[in-house]
Amino acid sequence: MYFLLSQLSLMDLMGISATVPKMAFNFLSGQKAISFLGCGVQSFFFLTMAGSEGLLLASMAYDRYVAICHPLHYPVRMSKWTCVNMIIGSWILGSINSLAHTVYILHIPYCQSRAINHFFCDVPAMLSLSCMNNWVHEYMVFVSTCLFLLLPFIAITASYGRVLFAVYHMRSKEGKKKAFTTCSAHLTVVTFYYAPFVYTYLRPRNLRSPAEDKILAVFYTILTPMLNPIIYSLRNKEVLGAMTRVFGIFSSMKE
């Protein structure tokens, strides 16, 4: 679990670093501009983190499902190499998917204004500036959204559904309350991450609104990375104990 959490933290850190610093700089300086190459780099890292994190969250839900519903099989089903393969697979698949989309948007002709109606280089916002028919790439976006977001979200919902069913039959009221609280918090964060993504990327172009896309993007670019450390880490007593010891060491060093 902690191995997967470390990767989730890394993905959140890289994902929010790809969009928020540039957005904050443009907001504070008033220079709302980004180079064409910088736009491609930003899009690549954002899409990589988005796809990889979608798969990783599904792996974490499966980890919780095995731990609660099949505790005796946990060392076999979730061995160290299984976790490593899940993490490597998430990074590789997310990078390949991101590279394909980034290469495409960097090579299509932009005949209209190059002012992107968004606070970062999002693929749908960039496609709206193209003067060619992009139905092939829109179909690619649809397939990628289904593979990296919709299917993992369904898998996560099914995993937590089985977990909640198992928890419901627990005898310990305290354990049942703790499990329900944890699962509901996890599902809340997962919903904040997946639902805006799926809604944004699966809608046809004629139903999209730039203002609505920007509001939804706040959830999966800023809000969810901020909530993940609180929900997945700071609620854990062992993590809180480790942080207390670390801050205690720093305070003693200052003294």
C-alpha atoms as a PDB file:
ATOM      1  CA  MET A   1       0.000   0.000   0.000  1.00  0.00           C
ATOM      2  CA  TYR A   2       2.776   2.463   0.927  1.00  0.00           C
ATOM      3  CA  PHE A   3       4.661   1.623  -2.250  1.00  0.00           C
ATOM      4  CA  LEU A   4       1.591   2.537  -4.298  1.00  0.00           C
ATOM      5  CA  LEU A   5       1.018   5.650  -2.178  1.00  0.00           C
ATOM      6  CA  SER A   6       4.541   6.871  -2.900  1.00  0.00           C
ATOM      7  CA  GLN A   7       3.881   6.631  -6.633  1.00  0.00           C
ATOM      8  CA  LEU A   8       0.548   8.415  -6.263  1.00  0.00           C
ATOM      9  CA  SER A   9       2.305  11.260  -4.438  1.00  0.00           C
ATOM     10  CA  LEU A  10       4.942  11.464  -7.162  1.00  0.00           C
ATOM     11  CA  MET A  11       2.306  11.558  -9.913  1.00  0.00           C
ATOM     12  CA  ASP A  12       0.323  14.240  -8.100  1.00  0.00           C
ATOM     13  CA  LEU A  13       3.462  16.318  -7.587  1.00  0.00           C
ATOM     14  CA  MET A  14       4.502  16.058 -11.242  1.00  0.00           C
ATOM     15  CA  GLY A  15       0.969  16.600 -12.505  1.00  0.00           C
ATOM     16  CA  ILE A  16       0.341  19.747 -10.500  1.00  0.00           C
ATOM     17  CA  SER A  17       3.856  21.018 -11.339  1.00  0.00           C
ATOM     18  CA  ALA A  18       3.075  20.742 -15.053  1.00  0.00           C
ATOM     19  CA  THR A  19       0.152  23.166 -14.933  1.00  0.00           C
ATOM     20  CA  VAL A  20      -0.151  25.237 -11.752  1.00  0.00           C
ATOM     21  CA  PRO A  21       3.243  27.072 -11.691  1.00  0.00           C
ATOM     22  CA  LYS A  22       2.794  28.358 -15.255  1.00  0.00           C
ATOM     23  CA  MET A  23      -0.812  29.276 -14.525  1.00  0.00           C
ATOM     24  CA  ALA A  24       0.230  31.170 -11.375  1.00  0.00           C
ATOM     25  CA  PHE A  25       3.059  32.948 -13.206  1.00  0.00           C
ATOM     26  CA  ASN A  26       0.746  34.068 -16.025  1.00  0.00           C
ATOM     27  CA  PHE A  27      -1.848  35.237 -13.507  1.00  0.00           C
ATOM     28  CA  LEU A  28       0.607  37.245 -11.414  1.00  0.00           C
ATOM     29  CA  SER A  29       2.680  38.664 -14.283  1.00  0.00           C
ATOM     30  CA  GLY A  30      -0.151  39.282 -16.718  1.00  0.00           C
ATOM     31  CA  GLN A  31       1.878  37.619 -19.515  1.00  0.00           C
ATOM     32  CA  LYS A  32      -0.594  35.017 -20.703  1.00  0.00           C
ATOM     33  CA  ALA A  33       1.716  33.290 -23.167  1.00  0.00           C
ATOM     34  CA  ILE A  34       3.516  29.978 -23.610  1.00  0.00           C
ATOM     35  CA  SER A  35       5.837  28.795 -26.361  1.00  0.00           C
ATOM     36  CA  PHE A  36       4.697  26.159 -28.833  1.00  0.00           C
ATOM     37  CA  LEU A  37       7.308  23.693 -27.555  1.00  0.00           C
ATOM     38  CA  GLY A  38       6.457  24.536 -23.947  1.00  0.00           C
ATOM     39  CA  CYS A  39       2.824  23.857 -24.707  1.00  0.00           C
ATOM     40  CA  GLY A  40       3.718  20.420 -26.070  1.00  0.00           C
ATOM     41  CA  VAL A  41       5.883  19.611 -23.026  1.00  0.00           C
ATOM     42  CA  GLN A  42       3.137  20.711 -20.660  1.00  0.00           C
ATOM     43  CA  SER A  43       0.555  18.650 -22.513  1.00  0.00           C
ATOM     44  CA  PHE A  44       2.811  15.568 -22.517  1.00  0.00           C
ATOM     45  CA  PHE A  45       3.483  15.613 -18.775  1.00  0.00           C
ATOM     46  CA  PHE A  46      -0.125  16.400 -17.910  1.00  0.00           C
ATOM     47  CA  LEU A  47      -1.508  13.579 -20.057  1.00  0.00           C
ATOM     48  CA  THR A  48       1.134  11.158 -18.790  1.00  0.00           C
ATOM     49  CA  MET A  49       0.254  11.858 -15.173  1.00  0.00           C
ATOM     50  CA  ALA A  50      -3.486  11.774 -15.888  1.00  0.00           C
ATOM     51  CA  GLY A  51      -3.400   8.385 -17.605  1.00  0.00           C
ATOM     52  CA  SER A  52      -0.874   6.841 -15.212  1.00  0.00           C
ATOM     53  CA  GLU A  53      -2.741   8.026 -12.130  1.00  0.00           C
ATOM     54  CA  GLY A  54      -6.015   6.688 -13.502  1.00  0.00           C
ATOM     55  CA  LEU A  55      -4.482   3.223 -13.751  1.00  0.00           C
ATOM     56  CA  LEU A  56      -2.671   3.530 -10.408  1.00  0.00           C
ATOM     57  CA  LEU A  57      -5.861   4.423  -8.531  1.00  0.00           C
ATOM     58  CA  ALA A  58      -7.433   1.276  -9.939  1.00  0.00           C
ATOM     59  CA  SER A  59      -4.427  -0.722  -8.680  1.00  0.00           C
ATOM     60  CA  MET A  60      -4.833   0.817  -5.233  1.00  0.00           C
ATOM     61  CA  ALA A  61      -8.520  -0.097  -5.162  1.00  0.00           C
ATOM     62  CA  TYR A  62      -7.619  -3.677  -6.104  1.00  0.00           C
ATOM     63  CA  ASP A  63      -5.020  -3.683  -3.308  1.00  0.00           C
ATOM     64  CA  ARG A  64      -7.683  -2.700  -0.756  1.00  0.00           C
ATOM     65  CA  TYR A  65     -10.100  -5.268  -2.175  1.00  0.00           C
ATOM     66  CA  VAL A  66      -7.590  -8.108  -1.802  1.00  0.00           C
ATOM     67  CA  ALA A  67      -6.514  -6.964   1.664  1.00  0.00           C
ATOM     68  CA  ILE A  68     -10.077  -6.892   3.026  1.00  0.00           C
ATOM     69  CA  CYS A  69     -11.894  -9.567   1.028  1.00  0.00           C
ATOM     70  CA  HIS A  70      -9.010 -12.061   0.601  1.00  0.00           C
ATOM     71  CA  PRO A  71      -6.567 -11.354   3.459  1.00  0.00           C
ATOM     72  CA  LEU A  72      -5.020 -14.835   3.429  1.00  0.00           C
ATOM     73  CA  HIS A  73      -4.190 -14.520  -0.282  1.00  0.00           C
ATOM     74  CA  TYR A  74      -2.821 -10.975   0.039  1.00  0.00           C
ATOM     75  CA  PRO A  75       0.922 -11.866   0.189  1.00  0.00           C
ATOM     76  CA  VAL A  76       0.545 -13.896  -3.012  1.00  0.00           C
ATOM     77  CA  ARG A  77      -1.776 -11.637  -5.017  1.00  0.00           C
ATOM     78  CA  MET A  78      -0.066  -8.390  -4.007  1.00  0.00           C
ATOM     79  CA  SER A  79       3.566  -9.419  -3.867  1.00  0.00           C
ATOM     80  CA  LYS A  80       6.378  -6.916  -4.322  1.00  0.00           C
ATOM     81  CA  TRP A  81       6.825  -7.831  -7.985  1.00  0.00           C
ATOM     82  CA  THR A  82       3.095  -7.515  -8.610  1.00  0.00           C
ATOM     83  CA  CYS A  83       3.181  -3.957  -7.223  1.00  0.00           C
ATOM     84  CA  VAL A  84       6.273  -3.143  -9.294  1.00  0.00           C
ATOM     85  CA  ASN A  85       4.630  -4.479 -12.465  1.00  0.00           C
ATOM     86  CA  MET A  86       1.464  -2.459 -11.757  1.00  0.00           C
ATOM     87  CA  ILE A  87       3.458   0.731 -11.267  1.00  0.00           C
ATOM     88  CA  ILE A  88       5.726   0.218 -14.290  1.00  0.00           C
ATOM     89  CA  GLY A  89       2.724  -0.680 -16.424  1.00  0.00           C
ATOM     90  CA  SER A  90       0.891   2.479 -15.328  1.00  0.00           C
ATOM     91  CA  TRP A  91       3.872   4.711 -16.181  1.00  0.00           C
ATOM     92  CA  ILE A  92       4.582   3.051 -19.536  1.00  0.00           C
ATOM     93  CA  LEU A  93       0.975   2.968 -20.752  1.00  0.00           C
ATOM     94  CA  GLY A  94       0.377   6.533 -19.599  1.00  0.00           C
ATOM     95  CA  SER A  95       3.530   7.750 -21.374  1.00  0.00           C
ATOM     96  CA  ILE A  96       2.710   5.966 -24.643  1.00  0.00           C
ATOM     97  CA  ASN A  97      -0.824   7.336 -24.666  1.00  0.00           C
ATOM     98  CA  SER A  98       0.415  10.846 -23.872  1.00  0.00           C
ATOM     99  CA  LEU A  99       3.144  10.722 -26.535  1.00  0.00           C
ATOM    100  CA  ALA A 100       0.634   9.761 -29.232  1.00  0.00           C
ATOM    101  CA  HIS A 101      -1.690  12.671 -28.406  1.00  0.00           C
ATOM    102  CA  THR A 102       1.131  15.179 -27.961  1.00  0.00           C
ATOM    103  CA  VAL A 103       2.785  14.331 -31.289  1.00  0.00           C
ATOM    104  CA  TYR A 104      -0.563  14.688 -33.043  1.00  0.00           C
ATOM    105  CA  ILE A 105      -1.462  18.099 -31.609  1.00  0.00           C
ATOM    106  CA  LEU A 106       2.026  19.428 -32.398  1.00  0.00           C
ATOM    107  CA  HIS A 107       1.741  18.477 -36.072  1.00  0.00           C
ATOM    108  CA  ILE A 108      -1.787  19.593 -36.948  1.00  0.00           C
ATOM    109  CA  PRO A 109      -2.178  22.967 -38.733  1.00  0.00           C
ATOM    110  CA  TYR A 110      -3.477  25.864 -36.655  1.00  0.00           C
ATOM    111  CA  CYS A 111      -5.154  28.288 -39.029  1.00  0.00           C
ATOM    112  CA  GLN A 112      -7.233  30.191 -36.499  1.00  0.00           C
ATOM    113  CA  SER A 113      -6.197  32.230 -33.488  1.00  0.00           C
ATOM    114  CA  ARG A 114      -3.579  30.600 -31.278  1.00  0.00           C
ATOM    115  CA  ALA A 115      -5.155  31.946 -28.097  1.00  0.00           C
ATOM    116  CA  ILE A 116      -6.124  28.882 -26.055  1.00  0.00           C
ATOM    117  CA  ASN A 117      -9.271  29.448 -24.018  1.00  0.00           C
ATOM    118  CA  HIS A 118      -7.895  27.550 -21.012  1.00  0.00           C
ATOM    119  CA  PHE A 119      -5.349  27.943 -18.207  1.00  0.00           C
ATOM    120  CA  PHE A 120      -3.123  25.157 -19.608  1.00  0.00           C
ATOM    121  CA  CYS A 121      -2.548  23.355 -22.914  1.00  0.00           C
ATOM    122  CA  ASP A 122      -5.453  20.936 -22.812  1.00  0.00           C
ATOM    123  CA  VAL A 123      -6.025  18.740 -25.862  1.00  0.00           C
ATOM    124  CA  PRO A 124      -9.714  19.646 -26.495  1.00  0.00           C
ATOM    125  CA  ALA A 125      -8.882  23.366 -26.194  1.00  0.00           C
ATOM    126  CA  MET A 126      -6.050  23.028 -28.726  1.00  0.00           C
ATOM    127  CA  LEU A 127      -8.113  20.958 -31.153  1.00  0.00           C
ATOM    128  CA  SER A 128     -10.717  23.717 -31.293  1.00  0.00           C
ATOM    129  CA  LEU A 129      -8.059  25.971 -32.914  1.00  0.00           C
ATOM    130  CA  SER A 130      -7.340  23.559 -35.762  1.00  0.00           C
ATOM    131  CA  CYS A 131      -8.704  24.206 -39.237  1.00  0.00           C
ATOM    132  CA  MET A 132      -8.749  20.532 -40.280  1.00  0.00           C
ATOM    133  CA  ASN A 133     -11.196  17.754 -39.556  1.00  0.00           C
ATOM    134  CA  ASN A 134      -9.972  16.012 -36.397  1.00  0.00           C
ATOM    135  CA  TRP A 135     -12.561  13.253 -36.160  1.00  0.00           C
ATOM    136  CA  VAL A 136      -9.805  10.592 -36.060  1.00  0.00           C
ATOM    137  CA  HIS A 137      -8.105  12.192 -33.090  1.00  0.00           C
ATOM    138  CA  GLU A 138     -11.411  12.842 -31.357  1.00  0.00           C
ATOM    139  CA  TYR A 139     -12.070   9.128 -31.674  1.00  0.00           C
ATOM    140  CA  MET A 140      -8.598   8.483 -30.198  1.00  0.00           C
ATOM    141  CA  VAL A 141      -9.446  10.769 -27.270  1.00  0.00           C
ATOM    142  CA  PHE A 142     -12.685   8.850 -26.757  1.00  0.00           C
ATOM    143  CA  VAL A 143     -10.879   5.487 -26.741  1.00  0.00           C
ATOM    144  CA  SER A 144      -8.133   6.750 -24.427  1.00  0.00           C
ATOM    145  CA  THR A 145     -10.684   8.179 -22.004  1.00  0.00           C
ATOM    146  CA  CYS A 146     -12.505   4.852 -21.894  1.00  0.00           C
ATOM    147  CA  LEU A 147      -9.306   2.836 -21.384  1.00  0.00           C
ATOM    148  CA  PHE A 148      -7.530   5.083 -18.879  1.00  0.00           C
ATOM    149  CA  LEU A 149     -10.428   6.677 -17.010  1.00  0.00           C
ATOM    150  CA  LEU A 150     -13.846   5.115 -17.533  1.00  0.00           C
ATOM    151  CA  LEU A 151     -12.863   1.433 -17.213  1.00  0.00           C
ATOM    152  CA  PRO A 152     -10.597   2.034 -14.166  1.00  0.00           C
ATOM    153  CA  PHE A 153     -13.418   4.028 -12.540  1.00  0.00           C
ATOM    154  CA  ILE A 154     -15.815   1.126 -13.080  1.00  0.00           C
ATOM    155  CA  ALA A 155     -13.211  -1.279 -11.673  1.00  0.00           C
ATOM    156  CA  ILE A 156     -12.680   0.957  -8.623  1.00  0.00           C
ATOM    157  CA  THR A 157     -16.427   1.191  -8.017  1.00  0.00           C
ATOM    158  CA  ALA A 158     -16.750  -2.597  -8.261  1.00  0.00           C
ATOM    159  CA  SER A 159     -13.782  -3.144  -5.910  1.00  0.00           C
ATOM    160  CA  TYR A 160     -15.110  -0.797  -3.254  1.00  0.00           C
ATOM    161  CA  GLY A 161     -18.567  -2.256  -3.693  1.00  0.00           C
ATOM    162  CA  ARG A 162     -17.178  -5.679  -2.763  1.00  0.00           C
ATOM    163  CA  VAL A 163     -15.232  -4.105   0.110  1.00  0.00           C
ATOM    164  CA  LEU A 164     -18.310  -2.376   1.514  1.00  0.00           C
ATOM    165  CA  PHE A 165     -20.291  -5.600   1.185  1.00  0.00           C
ATOM    166  CA  ALA A 166     -17.621  -7.441   3.174  1.00  0.00           C
ATOM    167  CA  VAL A 167     -17.451  -4.674   5.769  1.00  0.00           C
ATOM    168  CA  TYR A 168     -21.221  -4.721   6.187  1.00  0.00           C
ATOM    169  CA  HIS A 169     -20.978  -8.310   7.486  1.00  0.00           C
ATOM    170  CA  MET A 170     -18.259  -7.468  10.010  1.00  0.00           C
ATOM    171  CA  ARG A 171     -19.117  -7.963  13.676  1.00  0.00           C
ATOM    172  CA  SER A 172     -16.989  -5.144  15.037  1.00  0.00           C
ATOM    173  CA  LYS A 173     -18.928  -1.868  14.996  1.00  0.00           C
ATOM    174  CA  GLU A 174     -15.756   0.164  15.402  1.00  0.00           C
ATOM    175  CA  GLY A 175     -14.032  -1.637  12.529  1.00  0.00           C
ATOM    176  CA  LYS A 176     -17.142  -1.297  10.387  1.00  0.00           C
ATOM    177  CA  LYS A 177     -17.343   2.458  11.058  1.00  0.00           C
ATOM    178  CA  LYS A 178     -13.646   2.956  10.303  1.00  0.00           C
ATOM    179  CA  ALA A 179     -13.844   0.970   7.058  1.00  0.00           C
ATOM    180  CA  PHE A 180     -16.966   2.823   5.885  1.00  0.00           C
ATOM    181  CA  THR A 181     -15.348   6.189   6.637  1.00  0.00           C
ATOM    182  CA  THR A 182     -12.144   5.283   4.796  1.00  0.00           C
ATOM    183  CA  CYS A 183     -13.921   3.833   1.762  1.00  0.00           C
ATOM    184  CA  SER A 184     -16.317   6.779   1.482  1.00  0.00           C
ATOM    185  CA  ALA A 185     -13.391   9.228   1.632  1.00  0.00           C
ATOM    186  CA  HIS A 186     -11.496   7.303  -1.045  1.00  0.00           C
ATOM    187  CA  LEU A 187     -14.548   7.135  -3.290  1.00  0.00           C
ATOM    188  CA  THR A 188     -15.095  10.884  -2.876  1.00  0.00           C
ATOM    189  CA  VAL A 189     -11.559  11.672  -4.065  1.00  0.00           C
ATOM    190  CA  VAL A 190     -11.819   9.141  -6.895  1.00  0.00           C
ATOM    191  CA  THR A 191     -15.118  10.696  -8.033  1.00  0.00           C
ATOM    192  CA  PHE A 192     -13.593  14.203  -7.949  1.00  0.00           C
ATOM    193  CA  TYR A 193     -10.774  12.926 -10.168  1.00  0.00           C
ATOM    194  CA  TYR A 194     -12.547  10.692 -12.681  1.00  0.00           C
ATOM    195  CA  ALA A 195     -15.968  12.311 -13.120  1.00  0.00           C
ATOM    196  CA  PRO A 196     -14.761  15.726 -14.420  1.00  0.00           C
ATOM    197  CA  PHE A 197     -12.195  13.994 -16.666  1.00  0.00           C
ATOM    198  CA  VAL A 198     -14.741  11.629 -18.196  1.00  0.00           C
ATOM    199  CA  TYR A 199     -17.359  14.350 -18.580  1.00  0.00           C
ATOM    200  CA  THR A 200     -14.882  16.703 -20.262  1.00  0.00           C
ATOM    201  CA  TYR A 201     -13.238  14.277 -22.675  1.00  0.00           C
ATOM    202  CA  LEU A 202     -16.247  12.159 -23.672  1.00  0.00           C
ATOM    203  CA  ARG A 203     -18.494  15.032 -24.670  1.00  0.00           C
ATOM    204  CA  PRO A 204     -18.818  15.880 -28.382  1.00  0.00           C
ATOM    205  CA  ARG A 205     -17.207  19.136 -29.468  1.00  0.00           C
ATOM    206  CA  ASN A 206     -20.536  20.881 -30.114  1.00  0.00           C
ATOM    207  CA  LEU A 207     -21.578  20.301 -26.471  1.00  0.00           C
ATOM    208  CA  ARG A 208     -18.390  21.658 -24.903  1.00  0.00           C
ATOM    209  CA  SER A 209     -18.164  24.998 -23.190  1.00  0.00           C
ATOM    210  CA  PRO A 210     -14.699  26.537 -22.561  1.00  0.00           C
ATOM    211  CA  ALA A 211     -15.841  28.114 -19.297  1.00  0.00           C
ATOM    212  CA  GLU A 212     -17.281  24.820 -18.080  1.00  0.00           C
ATOM    213  CA  ASP A 213     -14.133  22.917 -19.120  1.00  0.00           C
ATOM    214  CA  LYS A 214     -11.957  25.296 -17.096  1.00  0.00           C
ATOM    215  CA  ILE A 215     -14.110  24.891 -14.000  1.00  0.00           C
ATOM    216  CA  LEU A 216     -14.042  21.094 -14.296  1.00  0.00           C
ATOM    217  CA  ALA A 217     -10.290  21.128 -14.890  1.00  0.00           C
ATOM    218  CA  VAL A 218      -9.772  22.724 -11.477  1.00  0.00           C
ATOM    219  CA  PHE A 219     -10.999  19.480  -9.878  1.00  0.00           C
ATOM    220  CA  TYR A 220      -8.495  17.141 -11.530  1.00  0.00           C
ATOM    221  CA  THR A 221      -5.542  19.544 -11.785  1.00  0.00           C
ATOM    222  CA  ILE A 222      -5.658  21.277  -8.386  1.00  0.00           C
ATOM    223  CA  LEU A 223      -8.330  19.996  -6.000  1.00  0.00           C
ATOM    224  CA  THR A 224      -7.722  16.233  -6.221  1.00  0.00           C
ATOM    225  CA  PRO A 225      -3.899  16.425  -5.885  1.00  0.00           C
ATOM    226  CA  MET A 226      -4.444  18.556  -2.779  1.00  0.00           C
ATOM    227  CA  LEU A 227      -6.928  16.108  -1.260  1.00  0.00           C
ATOM    228  CA  ASN A 228      -5.013  12.909  -2.030  1.00  0.00           C
ATOM    229  CA  PRO A 229      -2.328  13.364   0.673  1.00  0.00           C
ATOM    230  CA  ILE A 230      -5.028  14.083   3.268  1.00  0.00           C
ATOM    231  CA  ILE A 231      -7.287  11.195   2.316  1.00  0.00           C
ATOM    232  CA  TYR A 232      -4.709   8.509   1.566  1.00  0.00           C
ATOM    233  CA  SER A 233      -1.864   9.424   3.908  1.00  0.00           C
ATOM    234  CA  LEU A 234      -2.642  11.826   6.744  1.00  0.00           C
ATOM    235  CA  ARG A 235      -5.638   9.750   7.891  1.00  0.00           C
ATOM    236  CA  ASN A 236      -3.267   6.824   8.520  1.00  0.00           C
ATOM    237  CA  LYS A 237      -1.938   6.634  12.090  1.00  0.00           C
ATOM    238  CA  GLU A 238       1.405   5.185  11.005  1.00  0.00           C
ATOM    239  CA  VAL A 239       1.990   8.015   8.522  1.00  0.00           C
ATOM    240  CA  LEU A 240       0.991  10.613  11.123  1.00  0.00           C
ATOM    241  CA  GLY A 241       3.384   9.003  13.606  1.00  0.00           C
ATOM    242  CA  ALA A 242       6.229   9.103  11.067  1.00  0.00           C
ATOM    243  CA  MET A 243       5.537  12.776  10.282  1.00  0.00           C
ATOM    244  CA  THR A 244       5.492  13.599  13.990  1.00  0.00           C
ATOM    245  CA  ARG A 245       8.873  11.945  14.458  1.00  0.00           C
ATOM    246  CA  VAL A 246      10.336  13.771  11.428  1.00  0.00           C
ATOM    247  CA  PHE A 247       9.088  17.182  12.591  1.00  0.00           C
ATOM    248  CA  GLY A 248      10.376  16.354  16.072  1.00  0.00           C
ATOM    249  CA  ILE A 249      13.851  15.745  14.650  1.00  0.00           C
ATOM    250  CA  PHE A 250      13.767  19.039  12.705  1.00  0.00           C
ATOM    251  CA  SER A 251      12.627  20.997  15.762  1.00  0.00           C
ATOM    252  CA  SER A 252      15.387  19.458  17.914  1.00  0.00           C
ATOM    253  CA  MET A 253      17.982  20.327  15.240  1.00  0.00           C
ATOM    254  CA  LYS A 254      16.871  23.963  15.217  1.00  0.00           C
ATOM    255  CA  GLU A 255      17.165  24.147  18.982  1.00  0.00           C
END
